[in-house]
Protein backbone atom coordinates (compact mmCIF):
# COMPACT_ATOMS: atom_id res chain seq x y z
CA UNK A 1 12.82 16.11 5.22
CA UNK A 2 16.10 15.50 3.42
CA UNK A 3 14.98 12.20 1.87
CA UNK A 4 11.58 11.07 0.61
CA UNK A 5 9.94 8.89 3.26
CA UNK A 6 6.99 6.55 2.85
CA UNK A 7 5.24 4.55 5.55
CA UNK A 8 4.18 1.11 4.33
CA UNK A 9 1.70 -1.07 6.18
CA UNK A 10 1.10 -4.72 5.38
CA UNK A 11 -2.00 -6.44 6.77
CA UNK A 12 -3.06 -10.08 6.75
CA UNK A 13 -5.35 -9.79 3.73
CA UNK A 14 -4.53 -11.93 0.72
CA UNK A 15 -2.03 -10.25 -1.57
CA UNK A 16 0.84 -9.56 0.86
CA UNK A 17 3.21 -9.70 -2.11
CA UNK A 18 1.92 -6.24 -3.07
CA UNK A 19 3.43 -4.76 0.08
CA UNK A 20 6.66 -6.64 -0.53
CA UNK A 21 6.85 -5.36 -4.11
CA UNK A 22 6.12 -1.81 -2.95
CA UNK A 23 9.04 -2.02 -0.51
CA UNK A 24 11.36 -3.31 -3.23
CA UNK A 25 10.32 -0.73 -5.83
CA UNK A 26 10.47 2.19 -3.40
CA UNK A 27 13.96 1.15 -2.29
CA UNK A 28 15.07 0.88 -5.93
CA UNK A 29 14.50 4.63 -6.40
CA UNK A 30 15.93 5.72 -3.07
CA UNK A 31 12.74 6.25 -1.07
CA UNK A 32 13.18 5.69 2.67
CA UNK A 33 10.60 3.15 3.85
CA UNK A 34 9.11 2.75 7.33
CA UNK A 35 7.37 -0.60 7.69
CA UNK A 36 4.70 -1.82 10.09
CA UNK A 37 3.45 -5.33 9.46
CA UNK A 38 0.60 -6.94 11.38
CA UNK A 39 0.90 -10.40 12.94
CA UNK A 40 -1.73 -11.78 10.50
CA UNK A 41 0.42 -10.39 7.66
CA UNK A 42 3.33 -12.50 8.88
CA UNK A 43 1.06 -15.56 8.78
CA UNK A 44 -0.19 -14.75 5.28
CA UNK A 45 3.40 -14.37 4.06
CA UNK A 46 3.91 -18.02 4.94
CA UNK A 47 0.77 -19.08 3.08
CA UNK A 48 1.27 -17.04 -0.08
CA UNK A 49 5.01 -16.49 -0.56
CA UNK A 50 8.44 -17.95 0.07
CA UNK A 51 9.34 -14.86 2.11
CA UNK A 52 10.01 -14.95 5.83
CA UNK A 53 8.94 -11.90 7.87
CA UNK A 54 12.58 -11.13 8.66
CA UNK A 55 13.36 -11.05 4.91
CA UNK A 56 10.57 -8.52 4.36
CA UNK A 57 11.71 -6.48 7.36
CA UNK A 58 15.22 -6.37 5.88
CA UNK A 59 13.82 -4.58 2.81
CA UNK A 60 12.71 -1.58 4.87
CA UNK A 61 14.87 1.19 6.29
CA UNK A 62 13.00 1.19 9.61
CA UNK A 63 10.68 -1.48 11.04
CA UNK A 64 8.11 -1.05 13.82
CA UNK A 65 6.11 -3.56 15.82
CA UNK A 66 2.31 -3.22 15.53
CA UNK A 67 1.96 -2.83 19.29
CA UNK A 68 4.45 0.05 19.50
CA UNK A 69 1.91 2.88 19.56
CA UNK A 70 4.59 5.25 20.86
CA UNK A 71 6.73 4.86 17.73
CA UNK A 72 7.82 7.85 15.64
CA UNK A 73 5.23 7.21 12.92
CA UNK A 74 2.45 7.52 15.54
CA UNK A 75 3.06 11.27 15.68
CA UNK A 76 2.14 14.00 13.24
CA UNK A 77 5.57 15.53 13.82
CA UNK A 78 7.08 12.61 11.90
CA UNK A 79 7.47 13.91 8.37
CA UNK A 80 6.50 11.58 5.53
CA UNK A 81 4.87 11.79 2.12
CA UNK A 82 2.08 9.55 3.40
CA UNK A 83 1.23 5.92 3.94
CA UNK A 84 0.49 2.96 1.71
CA UNK A 85 -1.33 -0.07 3.10
CA UNK A 86 -0.82 -3.01 0.75
CA UNK A 87 -2.84 -5.10 1.02
CA UNK A 88 -5.47 -3.52 3.24
CA UNK A 89 -7.87 -5.84 5.03
CA UNK A 90 -11.51 -4.87 5.51
CA UNK A 91 -10.87 -4.82 9.27
CA UNK A 92 -8.04 -2.30 8.85
CA UNK A 93 -10.08 -0.24 6.38
CA UNK A 94 -12.96 -0.08 8.86
CA UNK A 95 -10.73 0.96 11.76
CA UNK A 96 -9.19 3.73 9.68
CA UNK A 97 -12.55 4.87 8.32
CA UNK A 98 -14.00 5.34 11.79
CA UNK A 99 -10.91 6.58 13.64
CA UNK A 100 -10.23 3.44 15.68
CA UNK A 101 -6.47 3.48 16.19
CA UNK A 102 -6.03 0.23 18.13
CA UNK A 103 -2.51 -0.52 16.88
CA UNK A 104 0.42 1.26 15.25
CA UNK A 105 -0.69 0.45 11.72
CA UNK A 106 -4.09 2.12 12.07
CA UNK A 107 -2.68 4.88 14.31
CA UNK A 108 -0.07 5.78 11.69
CA UNK A 109 -2.77 5.95 8.99
CA UNK A 110 -4.98 8.09 11.22
CA UNK A 111 -2.08 10.48 11.86
CA UNK A 112 -1.30 10.81 8.15
CA UNK A 113 -4.96 11.61 7.46
CA UNK A 114 -5.20 14.24 10.20
CA UNK A 115 -2.05 15.86 8.81
CA UNK A 116 -3.75 15.89 5.37
CA UNK A 117 -1.19 13.56 3.83
CA UNK A 118 -1.98 10.87 1.30
CA UNK A 119 -3.08 7.46 2.52
CA UNK A 120 -3.59 4.76 -0.12
CA UNK A 121 -5.55 1.66 0.85
CA UNK A 122 -5.17 -1.35 -1.46
CA UNK A 123 -8.36 -3.02 -0.24
CA UNK A 124 -8.31 -6.76 -0.94
CA UNK A 125 -11.77 -8.26 -0.72
CA UNK A 126 -14.35 -9.49 -3.20
CA UNK A 127 -17.29 -9.52 -3.49
CA UNK A 128 -18.21 -6.55 -1.32
CA UNK A 129 -21.33 -6.12 0.79
CA UNK A 130 -22.92 -2.77 1.59
CA UNK A 131 -21.07 -2.47 4.91
CA UNK A 132 -17.73 -2.75 3.10
CA UNK A 133 -18.80 -0.13 0.57
CA UNK A 134 -19.96 2.25 3.30
CA UNK A 135 -16.63 1.90 5.10
CA UNK A 136 -14.83 2.66 1.83
CA UNK A 137 -17.00 5.74 1.30
CA UNK A 138 -16.28 6.90 4.85
CA UNK A 139 -12.54 6.38 4.38
CA UNK A 140 -12.66 8.29 1.10
CA UNK A 141 -14.59 11.15 2.70
CA UNK A 142 -11.89 11.62 5.34
CA UNK A 143 -9.16 11.70 2.71
CA UNK A 144 -8.00 8.15 2.00
CA UNK A 145 -7.51 6.91 -1.56
CA UNK A 146 -9.19 3.54 -2.15
CA UNK A 147 -7.16 1.51 -4.64
CA UNK A 148 -8.35 -2.07 -5.07
CA UNK A 149 -5.59 -4.07 -6.80
CA UNK A 150 -7.29 -4.30 -10.19
CA UNK A 151 -4.84 -5.48 -12.88
CA UNK A 152 -4.05 -3.22 -15.83
CA UNK A 153 -4.71 -5.63 -18.68
CA UNK A 154 -3.73 -2.96 -21.21
CA UNK A 155 -0.12 -3.46 -20.03
CA UNK A 156 -0.36 -7.01 -21.44
CA UNK A 157 1.38 -8.72 -18.52
CA UNK A 158 2.87 -12.12 -19.30
CA UNK A 159 3.36 -13.29 -15.72
CA UNK A 160 1.75 -12.83 -12.31
CA UNK A 161 4.94 -11.06 -11.24
CA UNK A 162 4.40 -8.41 -13.91
CA UNK A 163 0.84 -7.86 -12.66
CA UNK A 164 2.17 -7.44 -9.10
CA UNK A 165 4.89 -5.03 -10.25
CA UNK A 166 2.39 -2.87 -12.14
CA UNK A 167 -0.01 -2.75 -9.18
CA UNK A 168 2.73 -1.80 -6.71
CA UNK A 169 4.12 0.76 -9.16
CA UNK A 170 0.64 2.29 -9.61
CA UNK A 171 0.25 2.61 -5.84
CA UNK A 172 3.64 4.33 -5.54
CA UNK A 173 2.72 6.58 -8.46
CA UNK A 174 -0.08 8.01 -6.32
CA UNK A 175 2.65 9.46 -4.06
CA UNK A 176 4.59 10.88 -7.00
CA UNK A 177 7.14 8.05 -6.78
CA UNK A 178 8.10 7.04 -10.29
CA UNK A 179 9.55 3.58 -10.87
CA UNK A 180 10.53 1.87 -14.14
CA UNK A 181 7.97 -0.91 -13.59
CA UNK A 182 5.10 1.54 -14.20
CA UNK A 183 3.60 1.10 -17.67
CA UNK A 184 1.59 4.12 -18.82
CA UNK A 185 -1.24 4.11 -21.32
CA UNK A 186 -0.67 6.58 -24.12
CA UNK A 187 3.05 6.84 -23.46
CA UNK A 188 4.77 3.48 -23.68
CA UNK A 189 1.79 1.23 -24.40
CA UNK A 190 0.10 2.51 -27.55
CA UNK A 191 2.82 2.37 -30.20
CA UNK A 192 1.77 0.15 -33.08
CA UNK A 193 -1.59 -0.72 -31.56
CA UNK A 194 -5.12 -0.27 -32.81
CA UNK A 195 -8.19 0.39 -30.84
CA UNK A 196 -8.57 2.28 -27.66
CA UNK A 197 -9.13 1.96 -23.97
CA UNK A 198 -12.53 2.19 -22.33
C-alpha cells in the first residue's frame, strides 16, 4: 500500500457532519479516502447541513454505492488501515455486531474486522437501552472500537464547528492519523491552567 487508505462510512444517524469532517481532515493530511454513504445518510445531510451528497462525494478519492457488494472494499484483499463509520446508527452497529452484511457499508466493516483491522464506530444514540448496550459489547468483543461522539470540554471549544473538528480528529487519531485539529490534554492544553482532568 503506497498511500495510507481509510474507508469511511456515513449512515443516516444524526451527526452526519462528523463523517464530512473526517473526510476533510483525512484529505488535508494526504490520506486516501474510500467513501460509502447510505441512502438515509443522504437524507440526513439535507436535514442537518447545507451539503449536497454530491459535494460530500467530491471530498473522497473513491465513492461506492451501498448496494455495490462486489466493490473493492468488500474484499479482504483490498488493503486499508481500517474503517471509520461516522456517525454509526444503531441499526448499522447491530448488523456489524452480529455479522449481518446486507449492504456494502456493513460488508466492508465485516471484512475489516475479519482481517483484524481497526473499525471505529461513532455510535450516535442516547439514551441507550440494554439491547443497544449488548450490541455494543458484542461489536467490541469482535474487535470494533466504540467511540460515541462525546465532546472534549477540556479543549474549551468556542463553536460547534470546533467540537465537530475535535471529534473527527479524535476518531482519525485512533488510526494513527494525526491532524492539526486534534487538541491533546497535557501537551497543548495545560499551559497556564490550574486544576486537573478527571
